[in-house]
Structures are given as structure tokens and as C-alpha cells.
PDB file of N, CA and C in Angstrom:
ATOM      1  N   MET A   1     162.183  60.841 -58.000  1.00  0.00           N
ATOM      2  CA  MET A   1     161.647  59.534 -57.644  1.00  0.00           C
ATOM      3  C   MET A   1     160.499  59.180 -58.595  1.00  0.00           C
ATOM      4  N   LYS A   2     160.519  57.979 -59.098  1.00  0.00           N
ATOM      5  CA  LYS A   2     159.483  57.529 -60.032  1.00  0.00           C
ATOM      6  C   LYS A   2     158.212  57.144 -59.297  1.00  0.00           C
ATOM      7  N   THR A   3     157.094  57.406 -59.941  1.00  0.00           N
ATOM      8  CA  THR A   3     155.798  57.023 -59.385  1.00  0.00           C
ATOM      9  C   THR A   3     155.470  55.598 -59.830  1.00  0.00           C
ATOM     10  N   ALA A   4     154.446  55.022 -59.210  1.00  0.00           N
ATOM     11  CA  ALA A   4     153.994  53.684 -59.608  1.00  0.00           C
ATOM     12  C   ALA A   4     153.553  53.700 -61.072  1.00  0.00           C
ATOM     13  N   ARG A   5     152.890  54.773 -61.481  1.00  0.00           N
ATOM     14  CA  ARG A   5     152.456  54.894 -62.877  1.00  0.00           C
ATOM     15  C   ARG A   5     153.660  54.912 -63.820  1.00  0.00           C
ATOM     16  N   ASP A   6     154.703  55.670 -63.466  1.00  0.00           N
ATOM     17  CA  ASP A   6     155.918  55.716 -64.281  1.00  0.00           C
ATOM     18  C   ASP A   6     156.512  54.321 -64.456  1.00  0.00           C
ATOM     19  N   VAL A   7     156.603  53.580 -63.355  1.00  0.00           N
ATOM     20  CA  VAL A   7     157.199  52.241 -63.390  1.00  0.00           C
ATOM     21  C   VAL A   7     156.364  51.302 -64.260  1.00  0.00           C
ATOM     22  N   LEU A   8     155.046  51.336 -64.107  1.00  0.00           N
ATOM     23  CA  LEU A   8     154.190  50.469 -64.912  1.00  0.00           C
ATOM     24  C   LEU A   8     154.282  50.804 -66.398  1.00  0.00           C
ATOM     25  N   ASN A   9     154.326  52.082 -66.722  1.00  0.00           N
ATOM     26  CA  ASN A   9     154.478  52.477 -68.122  1.00  0.00           C
ATOM     27  C   ASN A   9     155.826  52.041 -68.683  1.00  0.00           C
ATOM     28  N   GLU A  10     156.881  52.167 -67.901  1.00  0.00           N
ATOM     29  CA  GLU A  10     158.196  51.699 -68.345  1.00  0.00           C
ATOM     30  C   GLU A  10     158.192  50.192 -68.595  1.00  0.00           C
ATOM     31  N   LEU A  11     157.541  49.453 -67.695  1.00  0.00           N
ATOM     32  CA  LEU A  11     157.467  48.001 -67.887  1.00  0.00           C
ATOM     33  C   LEU A  11     156.720  47.654 -69.168  1.00  0.00           C
ATOM     34  N   ARG A  12     155.684  48.392 -69.463  1.00  0.00           N
ATOM     35  CA  ARG A  12     154.891  48.111 -70.662  1.00  0.00           C
ATOM     36  C   ARG A  12     155.611  48.543 -71.938  1.00  0.00           C
ATOM     37  N   TRP A  13     156.188  49.741 -71.946  1.00  0.00           N
ATOM     38  CA  TRP A  13     156.676  50.313 -73.194  1.00  0.00           C
ATOM     39  C   TRP A  13     158.192  50.261 -73.382  1.00  0.00           C
ATOM     40  N   ARG A  14     158.971  50.275 -72.300  1.00  0.00           N
ATOM     41  CA  ARG A  14     160.421  50.379 -72.461  1.00  0.00           C
ATOM     42  C   ARG A  14     161.188  49.131 -72.051  1.00  0.00           C
ATOM     43  N   ALA A  15     160.550  48.231 -71.402  1.00  0.00           N
ATOM     44  CA  ALA A  15     161.251  47.049 -70.893  1.00  0.00           C
ATOM     45  C   ALA A  15     160.850  45.792 -71.656  1.00  0.00           C
ATOM     46  N   GLY A  16     160.512  45.934 -72.909  1.00  0.00           N
ATOM     47  CA  GLY A  16     160.135  44.748 -73.677  1.00  0.00           C
ATOM     48  C   GLY A  16     158.822  44.140 -73.231  1.00  0.00           C
ATOM     49  N   ASP A  17     157.898  44.973 -72.811  1.00  0.00           N
ATOM     50  CA  ASP A  17     156.578  44.562 -72.328  1.00  0.00           C
ATOM     51  C   ASP A  17     156.665  43.511 -71.220  1.00  0.00           C
ATOM     52  N   ARG A  18     157.347  43.889 -70.146  1.00  0.00           N
ATOM     53  CA  ARG A  18     157.469  43.013 -68.975  1.00  0.00           C
ATOM     54  C   ARG A  18     156.326  43.219 -67.982  1.00  0.00           C
ATOM     55  N   LEU A  19     155.329  44.004 -68.364  1.00  0.00           N
ATOM     56  CA  LEU A  19     154.201  44.250 -67.469  1.00  0.00           C
ATOM     57  C   LEU A  19     153.528  42.939 -67.063  1.00  0.00           C
ATOM     58  N   GLY A  20     153.502  41.969 -67.956  1.00  0.00           N
ATOM     59  CA  GLY A  20     152.894  40.681 -67.651  1.00  0.00           C
ATOM     60  C   GLY A  20     153.596  39.911 -66.547  1.00  0.00           C
ATOM     61  N   GLU A  21     154.847  40.272 -66.261  1.00  0.00           N
ATOM     62  CA  GLU A  21     155.617  39.612 -65.199  1.00  0.00           C
ATOM     63  C   GLU A  21     155.475  40.316 -63.850  1.00  0.00           C
ATOM     64  N   ALA A  22     154.831  41.483 -63.837  1.00  0.00           N
ATOM     65  CA  ALA A  22     154.745  42.297 -62.622  1.00  0.00           C
ATOM     66  C   ALA A  22     153.708  41.763 -61.640  1.00  0.00           C
ATOM     67  N   VAL A  23     153.987  42.000 -60.363  1.00  0.00           N
ATOM     68  CA  VAL A  23     153.043  41.712 -59.280  1.00  0.00           C
ATOM     69  C   VAL A  23     152.927  42.993 -58.468  1.00  0.00           C
ATOM     70  N   LEU A  24     151.702  43.502 -58.326  1.00  0.00           N
ATOM     71  CA  LEU A  24     151.454  44.724 -57.574  1.00  0.00           C
ATOM     72  C   LEU A  24     150.879  44.370 -56.209  1.00  0.00           C
ATOM     73  N   PHE A  25     151.383  45.017 -55.186  1.00  0.00           N
ATOM     74  CA  PHE A  25     150.834  44.906 -53.845  1.00  0.00           C
ATOM     75  C   PHE A  25     149.981  46.154 -53.652  1.00  0.00           C
ATOM     76  N   TYR A  26     148.674  45.965 -53.675  1.00  0.00           N
ATOM     77  CA  TYR A  26     147.716  47.062 -53.698  1.00  0.00           C
ATOM     78  C   TYR A  26     147.044  47.175 -52.328  1.00  0.00           C
ATOM     79  N   ARG A  27     147.155  48.335 -51.692  1.00  0.00           N
ATOM     80  CA  ARG A  27     146.606  48.544 -50.346  1.00  0.00           C
ATOM     81  C   ARG A  27     145.094  48.351 -50.349  1.00  0.00           C
ATOM     82  N   ASP A  28     144.617  47.478 -49.452  1.00  0.00           N
ATOM     83  CA  ASP A  28     143.190  47.170 -49.346  1.00  0.00           C
ATOM     84  C   ASP A  28     142.882  46.845 -47.889  1.00  0.00           C
ATOM     85  N   ARG A  29     142.357  47.809 -47.165  1.00  0.00           N
ATOM     86  CA  ARG A  29     142.094  47.624 -45.731  1.00  0.00           C
ATOM     87  C   ARG A  29     141.008  46.595 -45.450  1.00  0.00           C
ATOM     88  N   ALA A  30     140.212  46.252 -46.455  1.00  0.00           N
ATOM     89  CA  ALA A  30     139.143  45.281 -46.252  1.00  0.00           C
ATOM     90  C   ALA A  30     139.679  43.858 -46.126  1.00  0.00           C
ATOM     91  N   ARG A  31     140.912  43.641 -46.535  1.00  0.00           N
ATOM     92  CA  ARG A  31     141.516  42.309 -46.452  1.00  0.00           C
ATOM     93  C   ARG A  31     142.330  42.183 -45.173  1.00  0.00           C
ATOM     94  N   PRO A  32     142.343  41.000 -44.566  1.00  0.00           N
ATOM     95  CA  PRO A  32     143.063  40.819 -43.307  1.00  0.00           C
ATOM     96  C   PRO A  32     144.563  41.134 -43.419  1.00  0.00           C
ATOM     97  N   GLU A  33     145.165  40.841 -44.553  1.00  0.00           N
ATOM     98  CA  GLU A  33     146.600  41.101 -44.720  1.00  0.00           C
ATOM     99  C   GLU A  33     146.892  42.562 -45.068  1.00  0.00           C
ATOM    100  N   GLY A  34     145.853  43.349 -45.349  1.00  0.00           N
ATOM    101  CA  GLY A  34     146.010  44.767 -45.619  1.00  0.00           C
ATOM    102  C   GLY A  34     146.310  45.131 -47.065  1.00  0.00           C
ATOM    103  N   HIS A  35     146.438  44.140 -47.916  1.00  0.00           N
ATOM    104  CA  HIS A  35     146.687  44.400 -49.337  1.00  0.00           C
ATOM    105  C   HIS A  35     146.168  43.232 -50.165  1.00  0.00           C
ATOM    106  N   ARG A  36     146.082  43.460 -51.450  1.00  0.00           N
ATOM    107  CA  ARG A  36     145.761  42.367 -52.360  1.00  0.00           C
ATOM    108  C   ARG A  36     146.801  42.361 -53.468  1.00  0.00           C
ATOM    109  N   LEU A  37     146.977  41.227 -54.069  1.00  0.00           N
ATOM    110  CA  LEU A  37     147.935  41.093 -55.166  1.00  0.00           C
ATOM    111  C   LEU A  37     147.206  41.251 -56.495  1.00  0.00           C
ATOM    112  N   ILE A  38     147.798  42.043 -57.364  1.00  0.00           N
ATOM    113  CA  ILE A  38     147.285  42.198 -58.721  1.00  0.00           C
ATOM    114  C   ILE A  38     148.422  41.813 -59.655  1.00  0.00           C
ATOM    115  N   ARG A  39     148.183  40.848 -60.485  1.00  0.00           N
ATOM    116  CA  ARG A  39     149.206  40.386 -61.430  1.00  0.00           C
ATOM    117  C   ARG A  39     149.136  41.224 -62.711  1.00  0.00           C
ATOM    118  N   GLY A  40     150.287  41.423 -63.326  1.00  0.00           N
ATOM    119  CA  GLY A  40     150.386  42.236 -64.529  1.00  0.00           C
ATOM    120  C   GLY A  40     149.371  41.901 -65.613  1.00  0.00           C
ATOM    121  N   PRO A  41     149.157  40.600 -65.919  1.00  0.00           N
ATOM    122  CA  PRO A  41     148.190  40.267 -66.972  1.00  0.00           C
ATOM    123  C   PRO A  41     146.750  40.715 -66.665  1.00  0.00           C
ATOM    124  N   GLU A  42     146.449  41.019 -65.400  1.00  0.00           N
ATOM    125  CA  GLU A  42     145.117  41.491 -65.035  1.00  0.00           C
ATOM    126  C   GLU A  42     144.896  42.954 -65.434  1.00  0.00           C
ATOM    127  N   ILE A  43     145.980  43.681 -65.681  1.00  0.00           N
ATOM    128  CA  ILE A  43     145.878  45.104 -66.004  1.00  0.00           C
ATOM    129  C   ILE A  43     145.446  45.264 -67.452  1.00  0.00           C
ATOM    130  N   ILE A  44     144.338  45.955 -67.636  1.00  0.00           N
ATOM    131  CA  ILE A  44     143.764  46.158 -68.966  1.00  0.00           C
ATOM    132  C   ILE A  44     144.288  47.449 -69.592  1.00  0.00           C
ATOM    133  N   GLU A  45     144.345  48.503 -68.786  1.00  0.00           N
ATOM    134  CA  GLU A  45     144.753  49.800 -69.318  1.00  0.00           C
ATOM    135  C   GLU A  45     145.440  50.625 -68.238  1.00  0.00           C
ATOM    136  N   LEU A  46     146.407  51.424 -68.648  1.00  0.00           N
ATOM    137  CA  LEU A  46     147.075  52.374 -67.765  1.00  0.00           C
ATOM    138  C   LEU A  46     146.605  53.767 -68.169  1.00  0.00           C
ATOM    139  N   GLU A  47     145.853  54.394 -67.276  1.00  0.00           N
ATOM    140  CA  GLU A  47     145.324  55.719 -67.548  1.00  0.00           C
ATOM    141  C   GLU A  47     146.138  56.766 -66.790  1.00  0.00           C
ATOM    142  N   ARG A  48     145.698  57.995 -66.836  1.00  0.00           N
ATOM    143  CA  ARG A  48     146.443  59.073 -66.198  1.00  0.00           C
ATOM    144  C   ARG A  48     146.457  58.966 -64.667  1.00  0.00           C
ATOM    145  N   ARG A  49     145.304  58.781 -64.051  1.00  0.00           N
ATOM    146  CA  ARG A  49     145.226  58.700 -62.585  1.00  0.00           C
ATOM    147  C   ARG A  49     144.849  57.319 -62.071  1.00  0.00           C
ATOM    148  N   TYR A  50     144.402  56.476 -62.958  1.00  0.00           N
ATOM    149  CA  TYR A  50     143.926  55.142 -62.574  1.00  0.00           C
ATOM    150  C   TYR A  50     144.491  54.101 -63.528  1.00  0.00           C
ATOM    151  N   PHE A  51     144.464  52.849 -63.058  1.00  0.00           N
ATOM    152  CA  PHE A  51     144.709  51.737 -63.967  1.00  0.00           C
ATOM    153  C   PHE A  51     143.473  50.857 -63.916  1.00  0.00           C
ATOM    154  N   THR A  52     143.215  50.161 -64.998  1.00  0.00           N
ATOM    155  CA  THR A  52     141.981  49.399 -65.119  1.00  0.00           C
ATOM    156  C   THR A  52     142.260  47.903 -65.067  1.00  0.00           C
ATOM    157  N   VAL A  53     141.470  47.203 -64.261  1.00  0.00           N
ATOM    158  CA  VAL A  53     141.433  45.741 -64.218  1.00  0.00           C
ATOM    159  C   VAL A  53     139.974  45.352 -64.454  1.00  0.00           C
ATOM    160  N   ALA A  54     139.698  44.071 -64.564  1.00  0.00           N
ATOM    161  CA  ALA A  54     138.326  43.626 -64.848  1.00  0.00           C
ATOM    162  C   ALA A  54     137.322  44.128 -63.803  1.00  0.00           C
ATOM    163  N   ALA A  55     137.761  44.263 -62.552  1.00  0.00           N
ATOM    164  CA  ALA A  55     136.860  44.689 -61.477  1.00  0.00           C
ATOM    165  C   ALA A  55     136.575  46.187 -61.497  1.00  0.00           C
ATOM    166  N   GLY A  56     137.364  46.968 -62.243  1.00  0.00           N
ATOM    167  CA  GLY A  56     137.127  48.404 -62.312  1.00  0.00           C
ATOM    168  C   GLY A  56     138.408  49.211 -62.380  1.00  0.00           C
ATOM    169  N   ARG A  57     138.271  50.510 -62.140  1.00  0.00           N
ATOM    170  CA  ARG A  57     139.407  51.428 -62.170  1.00  0.00           C
ATOM    171  C   ARG A  57     139.947  51.607 -60.756  1.00  0.00           C
ATOM    172  N   LEU A  58     141.265  51.521 -60.624  1.00  0.00           N
ATOM    173  CA  LEU A  58     141.909  51.624 -59.321  1.00  0.00           C
ATOM    174  C   LEU A  58     142.948  52.741 -59.352  1.00  0.00           C
ATOM    175  N   PRO A  59     143.061  53.528 -58.266  1.00  0.00           N
ATOM    176  CA  PRO A  59     144.041  54.618 -58.253  1.00  0.00           C
ATOM    177  C   PRO A  59     145.463  54.107 -58.006  1.00  0.00           C
ATOM    178  N   TYR A  60     146.412  54.751 -58.656  1.00  0.00           N
ATOM    179  CA  TYR A  60     147.821  54.375 -58.506  1.00  0.00           C
ATOM    180  C   TYR A  60     148.333  54.582 -57.084  1.00  0.00           C
ATOM    181  N   TYR A  61     147.796  55.589 -56.371  1.00  0.00           N
ATOM    182  CA  TYR A  61     148.356  55.923 -55.070  1.00  0.00           C
ATOM    183  C   TYR A  61     148.221  54.801 -54.029  1.00  0.00           C
ATOM    184  N   LYS A  62     147.396  53.803 -54.311  1.00  0.00           N
ATOM    185  CA  LYS A  62     147.253  52.687 -53.379  1.00  0.00           C
ATOM    186  C   LYS A  62     148.227  51.540 -53.667  1.00  0.00           C
ATOM    187  N   ILE A  63     149.040  51.674 -54.703  1.00  0.00           N
ATOM    188  CA  ILE A  63     150.058  50.655 -54.985  1.00  0.00           C
ATOM    189  C   ILE A  63     151.195  50.855 -53.989  1.00  0.00           C
ATOM    190  N   GLU A  64     151.460  49.839 -53.189  1.00  0.00           N
ATOM    191  CA  GLU A  64     152.519  49.906 -52.188  1.00  0.00           C
ATOM    192  C   GLU A  64     153.865  49.430 -52.737  1.00  0.00           C
ATOM    193  N   ARG A  65     153.822  48.397 -53.583  1.00  0.00           N
ATOM    194  CA  ARG A  65     155.074  47.810 -54.088  1.00  0.00           C
ATOM    195  C   ARG A  65     154.797  47.131 -55.424  1.00  0.00           C
ATOM    196  N   ILE A  66     155.815  47.136 -56.284  1.00  0.00           N
ATOM    197  CA  ILE A  66     155.743  46.420 -57.549  1.00  0.00           C
ATOM    198  C   ILE A  66     156.988  45.543 -57.641  1.00  0.00           C
ATOM    199  N   GLU A  67     156.780  44.277 -57.941  1.00  0.00           N
ATOM    200  CA  GLU A  67     157.886  43.335 -58.117  1.00  0.00           C
ATOM    201  C   GLU A  67     157.826  42.752 -59.522  1.00  0.00           C
ATOM    202  N   VAL A  68     158.993  42.501 -60.086  1.00  0.00           N
ATOM    203  CA  VAL A  68     159.110  41.831 -61.377  1.00  0.00           C
ATOM    204  C   VAL A  68     160.144  40.728 -61.195  1.00  0.00           C
ATOM    205  N   ALA A  69     159.733  39.496 -61.421  1.00  0.00           N
ATOM    206  CA  ALA A  69     160.616  38.330 -61.260  1.00  0.00           C
ATOM    207  C   ALA A  69     161.281  38.328 -59.877  1.00  0.00           C
ATOM    208  N   GLY A  70     160.512  38.675 -58.847  1.00  0.00           N
ATOM    209  CA  GLY A  70     161.017  38.653 -57.483  1.00  0.00           C
ATOM    210  C   GLY A  70     161.833  39.871 -57.080  1.00  0.00           C
ATOM    211  N   GLU A  71     162.092  40.794 -58.000  1.00  0.00           N
ATOM    212  CA  GLU A  71     162.868  41.997 -57.719  1.00  0.00           C
ATOM    213  C   GLU A  71     161.926  43.175 -57.504  1.00  0.00           C
ATOM    214  N   VAL A  72     162.135  43.921 -56.429  1.00  0.00           N
ATOM    215  CA  VAL A  72     161.316  45.098 -56.143  1.00  0.00           C
ATOM    216  C   VAL A  72     161.763  46.229 -57.071  1.00  0.00           C
ATOM    217  N   VAL A  73     160.838  46.716 -57.907  1.00  0.00           N
ATOM    218  CA  VAL A  73     161.156  47.805 -58.834  1.00  0.00           C
ATOM    219  C   VAL A  73     160.479  49.117 -58.413  1.00  0.00           C
ATOM    220  N   PHE A  74     159.561  49.030 -57.466  1.00  0.00           N
ATOM    221  CA  PHE A  74     158.915  50.225 -56.894  1.00  0.00           C
ATOM    222  C   PHE A  74     158.481  49.887 -55.491  1.00  0.00           C
ATOM    223  N   GLU A  75     158.747  50.812 -54.566  1.00  0.00           N
ATOM    224  CA  GLU A  75     158.240  50.676 -53.213  1.00  0.00           C
ATOM    225  C   GLU A  75     157.915  52.068 -52.687  1.00  0.00           C
ATOM    226  N   ARG A  76     156.686  52.220 -52.232  1.00  0.00           N
ATOM    227  CA  ARG A  76     156.249  53.509 -51.707  1.00  0.00           C
ATOM    228  C   ARG A  76     156.963  53.756 -50.377  1.00  0.00           C
ATOM    229  N   PRO A  77     157.495  54.948 -50.202  1.00  0.00           N
ATOM    230  CA  PRO A  77     158.158  55.246 -48.923  1.00  0.00           C
ATOM    231  C   PRO A  77     157.185  55.102 -47.765  1.00  0.00           C
ATOM    232  N   SER A  78     157.655  54.610 -46.641  1.00  0.00           N
ATOM    233  CA  SER A  78     156.775  54.484 -45.467  1.00  0.00           C
ATOM    234  C   SER A  78     156.469  55.876 -44.929  1.00  0.00           C
ATOM    235  N   GLY A  79     155.374  55.970 -44.223  1.00  0.00           N
ATOM    236  CA  GLY A  79     154.951  57.239 -43.675  1.00  0.00           C
ATOM    237  C   GLY A  79     154.002  57.992 -44.585  1.00  0.00           C
ATOM    238  N   ARG A  80     153.589  57.394 -45.672  1.00  0.00           N
ATOM    239  CA  ARG A  80     152.655  57.933 -46.659  1.00  0.00           C
ATOM    240  C   ARG A  80     152.392  59.384 -46.409  1.00  0.00           C
TER     241      ARG A  80
END
């Protein structure tokens, strides 16, 4: 099973740089809906354990789902 990091790296390097089309559903308990959306163009760098956006470094394990053009390309199994 591929990790969120694997999928993001594939989108950047193997899929013709489709990372800009990605939408990440990032778990955030501080928000009423329980997650926040991070768009691909917001991602500055993909590191080993974290990815970087303007607000800081975020861990991959909080990514719940990744969609590209409306298609789910990663979904974390329920039951974490």
C-alpha cells in the first residue's frame, strides 16, 4: 500500500508534475469540519517525514485523502 508521501512524490515526479492539481484533506481537529484543504500549489517541498507549506512543516500522517481532478488517488484506511 502506498503512503501519502509516495503518492505526492509520484504526482510531482512521475505523473507529469500533476501535484499542482492535487487537493489534500488534512486532519485538523481545531476546525469544525475536522480537516482543512491544502491545494497542490501550496506545497513548497516534500521532505522525508514532513511536507512544507507557507504556514510551516506538516506531517504526512495527518493526510486523510488526496484527490486529483476529482479522483481519489489516496485514502487512509479508517480505524487509523
